[in-house]
């Protein structure tokens, strides 16, 4: 009976270790994905500022040409 419990405990411990490894790997992928999303958002924000600035400059140039 005792050896059956020890075997079961070892089996459960191994399963727990596998789950912990899976959680660590999943967290690493998640953290990397979040970092990539933040980087892309920052790049898009910068590009948006450039586009708005260019649009404002074009509108100003058009107003100067018209009047």
Protein backbone atom coordinates (compact mmCIF):
# COMPACT_ATOMS: atom_id res chain seq x y z
CA UNK A 1 0.00 0.00 0.00
CA UNK A 2 2.80 2.37 0.95
CA UNK A 3 4.68 1.80 -2.31
CA UNK A 4 1.49 2.45 -4.28
CA UNK A 5 1.12 5.79 -2.49
CA UNK A 6 4.77 6.63 -3.13
CA UNK A 7 4.33 5.76 -6.80
CA UNK A 8 1.20 7.89 -7.03
CA UNK A 9 2.95 10.79 -5.27
CA UNK A 10 5.91 10.57 -7.65
CA UNK A 11 3.51 10.53 -10.61
CA UNK A 12 1.69 13.60 -9.29
CA UNK A 13 4.96 15.41 -8.60
CA UNK A 14 6.11 14.77 -12.17
CA UNK A 15 2.80 16.07 -13.49
CA UNK A 16 3.12 19.17 -11.33
CA UNK A 17 6.64 19.80 -12.62
CA UNK A 18 5.45 19.45 -16.21
CA UNK A 19 2.59 21.88 -15.58
CA UNK A 20 4.95 24.39 -13.96
CA UNK A 21 7.28 24.17 -16.96
CA UNK A 22 4.33 24.68 -19.30
CA UNK A 23 3.16 27.71 -17.30
CA UNK A 24 6.66 29.24 -17.42
CA UNK A 25 6.89 28.71 -21.18
CA UNK A 26 3.40 30.12 -21.73
CA UNK A 27 4.21 33.18 -19.61
CA UNK A 28 7.41 33.78 -21.58
CA UNK A 29 5.48 33.68 -24.88
CA UNK A 30 2.78 35.96 -23.42
CA UNK A 31 5.35 38.46 -22.13
CA UNK A 32 7.09 38.50 -25.51
CA UNK A 33 3.77 39.02 -27.30
CA UNK A 34 2.89 41.91 -24.99
CA UNK A 35 6.30 43.49 -25.60
CA UNK A 36 5.80 43.18 -29.37
CA UNK A 37 2.33 44.74 -29.18
CA UNK A 38 3.66 47.63 -27.09
CA UNK A 39 6.52 48.18 -29.55
CA UNK A 40 4.13 48.15 -32.52
CA UNK A 41 1.76 50.53 -30.75
CA UNK A 42 4.62 52.94 -30.06
CA UNK A 43 5.71 52.75 -33.70
CA UNK A 44 2.14 53.38 -34.90
CA UNK A 45 1.78 56.33 -32.52
CA UNK A 46 4.98 57.86 -33.90
CA UNK A 47 3.83 57.28 -37.48
CA UNK A 48 0.47 58.86 -36.67
CA UNK A 49 2.21 61.97 -35.32
CA UNK A 50 4.26 62.19 -38.53
CA UNK A 51 1.16 61.88 -40.71
CA UNK A 52 -0.76 64.50 -38.74
CA UNK A 53 2.20 66.88 -38.91
CA UNK A 54 2.52 66.36 -42.67
CA UNK A 55 -1.21 66.88 -43.15
CA UNK A 56 -1.13 70.10 -41.14
CA UNK A 57 1.86 71.34 -43.15
CA UNK A 58 0.07 70.53 -46.41
CA UNK A 59 -3.07 72.33 -45.25
CA UNK A 60 -1.00 75.37 -44.26
CA UNK A 61 0.78 75.39 -47.62
CA UNK A 62 -2.57 75.16 -49.42
CA UNK A 63 -3.96 78.09 -47.43
CA UNK A 64 -0.87 80.14 -48.27
CA UNK A 65 -1.27 79.35 -51.98
CA UNK A 66 -4.95 80.24 -51.92
CA UNK A 67 -4.73 83.46 -50.15
